[in-house]
Protein backbone atom coordinates (compact mmCIF):
# COMPACT_ATOMS: atom_id res chain seq x y z
CA UNK A 1 -34.88 11.51 5.94
CA UNK A 2 -35.41 8.40 3.86
CA UNK A 3 -32.49 6.04 3.11
CA UNK A 4 -32.07 4.63 -0.41
CA UNK A 5 -29.46 2.27 -1.84
CA UNK A 6 -27.30 3.15 -4.85
CA UNK A 7 -28.89 2.57 -8.27
CA UNK A 8 -32.39 2.64 -6.74
CA UNK A 9 -35.27 4.26 -8.63
CA UNK A 10 -36.45 7.26 -6.58
CA UNK A 11 -38.73 10.26 -6.81
CA UNK A 12 -37.35 13.62 -7.92
CA UNK A 13 -35.42 15.65 -5.34
CA UNK A 14 -32.05 16.09 -3.71
CA UNK A 15 -30.12 13.16 -2.24
CA UNK A 16 -27.05 13.21 0.02
CA UNK A 17 -24.53 10.37 0.35
CA UNK A 18 -22.61 10.70 3.66
CA UNK A 19 -20.04 8.08 2.61
CA UNK A 20 -18.89 9.99 -0.46
CA UNK A 21 -20.06 13.40 0.88
CA UNK A 22 -21.86 14.25 -2.32
CA UNK A 23 -25.22 15.83 -3.08
CA UNK A 24 -27.02 14.91 -6.28
CA UNK A 25 -30.25 16.03 -7.93
CA UNK A 26 -32.67 13.52 -9.39
CA UNK A 27 -34.66 15.57 -11.87
CA UNK A 28 -37.60 13.25 -12.64
CA UNK A 29 -39.54 10.55 -10.84
CA UNK A 30 -38.32 7.01 -11.46
CA UNK A 31 -34.73 8.03 -12.26
CA UNK A 32 -31.92 6.08 -10.59
CA UNK A 33 -29.43 7.27 -8.03
CA UNK A 34 -25.74 7.20 -9.00
CA UNK A 35 -23.75 4.03 -8.43
CA UNK A 36 -21.27 4.08 -5.55
CA UNK A 37 -20.60 3.19 -1.95
CA UNK A 38 -22.99 4.01 0.84
CA UNK A 39 -26.67 4.80 1.12
CA UNK A 40 -28.37 7.95 -0.09
CA UNK A 41 -30.53 10.17 2.13
CA UNK A 42 -33.40 12.21 0.72
CA UNK A 43 -32.93 15.83 1.86
CA UNK A 44 -35.11 18.91 1.43
CA UNK A 45 -34.00 21.51 -1.12
CA UNK A 46 -33.09 24.11 1.53
CA UNK A 47 -30.89 21.61 3.39
CA UNK A 48 -29.18 20.63 0.11
CA UNK A 49 -28.61 24.32 -0.63
CA UNK A 50 -27.00 24.82 2.80
CA UNK A 51 -25.07 21.53 2.68
CA UNK A 52 -23.31 22.14 -0.64
CA UNK A 53 -21.08 25.08 0.43
CA UNK A 54 -20.28 23.36 3.72
CA UNK A 55 -19.07 20.27 1.88
CA UNK A 56 -17.02 22.45 -0.47
CA UNK A 57 -15.38 24.24 2.45
CA UNK A 58 -14.59 20.91 4.13
CA UNK A 59 -12.95 19.75 0.90
CA UNK A 60 -10.85 22.92 0.66
CA UNK A 61 -9.67 22.51 4.27
CA UNK A 62 -9.04 18.79 3.93
CA UNK A 63 -7.07 18.95 0.66
CA UNK A 64 -3.91 20.62 2.08
CA UNK A 65 -3.97 18.28 5.07
CA UNK A 66 -3.94 15.30 2.71
CA UNK A 67 -0.87 16.75 0.96
CA UNK A 68 1.01 17.14 4.24
CA UNK A 69 0.03 13.64 5.36
CA UNK A 70 1.19 12.12 2.08
CA UNK A 71 4.54 13.99 2.24
CA UNK A 72 5.09 12.88 5.84
CA UNK A 73 4.22 9.29 4.92
CA UNK A 74 6.65 9.26 1.99
CA UNK A 75 9.43 10.79 4.11
CA UNK A 76 8.79 8.27 6.90
CA UNK A 77 8.91 5.33 4.50
CA UNK A 78 12.18 6.56 2.98
CA UNK A 79 13.68 7.12 6.42
CA UNK A 80 12.61 3.67 7.60
CA UNK A 81 14.02 2.06 4.45
CA UNK A 82 17.33 3.88 4.95
CA UNK A 83 17.75 2.48 8.45
CA UNK A 84 16.25 -0.99 8.08
CA UNK A 85 18.25 -2.52 5.22
CA UNK A 86 21.66 -1.18 6.19
CA UNK A 87 21.95 -2.92 9.54
CA UNK A 88 22.43 -6.38 8.05
CA UNK A 89 24.92 -5.15 5.47
CA UNK A 90 26.84 -3.22 8.11
CA UNK A 91 26.98 -6.26 10.39
CA UNK A 92 28.50 -8.33 7.57
CA UNK A 93 31.10 -5.66 6.81
CA UNK A 94 32.10 -5.20 10.46
CA UNK A 95 31.93 -8.86 11.54
CA UNK A 96 35.16 -10.71 12.05
CA UNK A 97 36.07 -13.62 9.85
CA UNK A 98 36.10 -16.09 12.74
CA UNK A 99 34.73 -19.49 11.87
CA UNK A 100 34.53 -22.29 14.42
CA UNK A 101 37.16 -24.93 13.74
CA UNK A 102 39.73 -22.60 12.25
CA UNK A 103 43.15 -22.32 13.86
CA UNK A 104 43.82 -18.61 14.11
CA UNK A 105 47.02 -18.93 16.10
CA UNK A 106 48.84 -20.72 13.28
CA UNK A 107 47.83 -18.15 10.69
CA UNK A 108 46.18 -20.75 8.44
CA UNK A 109 42.65 -21.99 8.21
CA UNK A 110 42.43 -25.63 9.18
CA UNK A 111 39.64 -27.63 7.59
CA UNK A 112 39.11 -31.30 7.87
CA UNK A 113 39.24 -33.10 4.57
CA UNK A 114 35.77 -34.59 5.01
CA UNK A 115 34.18 -31.22 5.82
CA UNK A 116 32.29 -29.63 2.93
CA UNK A 117 32.66 -25.97 2.11
CA UNK A 118 29.76 -23.69 3.04
CA UNK A 119 27.38 -22.93 0.17
CA UNK A 120 25.42 -19.72 0.22
CA UNK A 121 21.67 -20.45 0.03
CA UNK A 122 21.24 -17.34 -2.12
CA UNK A 123 23.54 -18.87 -4.74
CA UNK A 124 21.43 -22.02 -4.74
CA UNK A 125 18.23 -20.05 -5.24
CA UNK A 126 19.79 -18.00 -8.05
CA UNK A 127 20.97 -21.16 -9.78
CA UNK A 128 17.47 -22.65 -9.50
CA UNK A 129 16.00 -19.43 -10.87
CA UNK A 130 18.38 -19.50 -13.85
CA UNK A 131 17.35 -23.07 -14.61
CA UNK A 132 13.65 -22.12 -14.39
CA UNK A 133 14.12 -19.12 -16.71
CA UNK A 134 15.98 -21.23 -19.25
CA UNK A 135 13.27 -23.92 -19.08
CA UNK A 136 10.51 -21.36 -19.72
CA UNK A 137 12.42 -19.80 -22.62
CA UNK A 138 12.71 -23.15 -24.31
CA UNK A 139 8.99 -23.89 -23.73
CA UNK A 140 7.92 -20.87 -25.82
């Protein structure tokens, strides 16, 4: 069996591409093979005749398997997403409000006057994003 690249000018006959599992007929000499991945193999007519139903049967058996694999993949992704994001949110909801430096025995939070309040980094990023959006709106 002779190997040919895609889009190559070949003699008439049947050609099989194992990468795409397709069989094609080139009806006249000098015509080009179809464009695509993989190399084409020149096969005799009887082998092409026997190969075509086998490839069709493989497709029919493979198609339901692909459906089950895709469903299992989607269910697994949804299940993983359900368990991955909630752990951080749950930890925040369940965590105590203890902060080092606070006097819990007196019932009041004690902060030094020179100590700055904590700023959430997410708030800083959102503020920067708002400024950037406003700047781009004015640029247009």
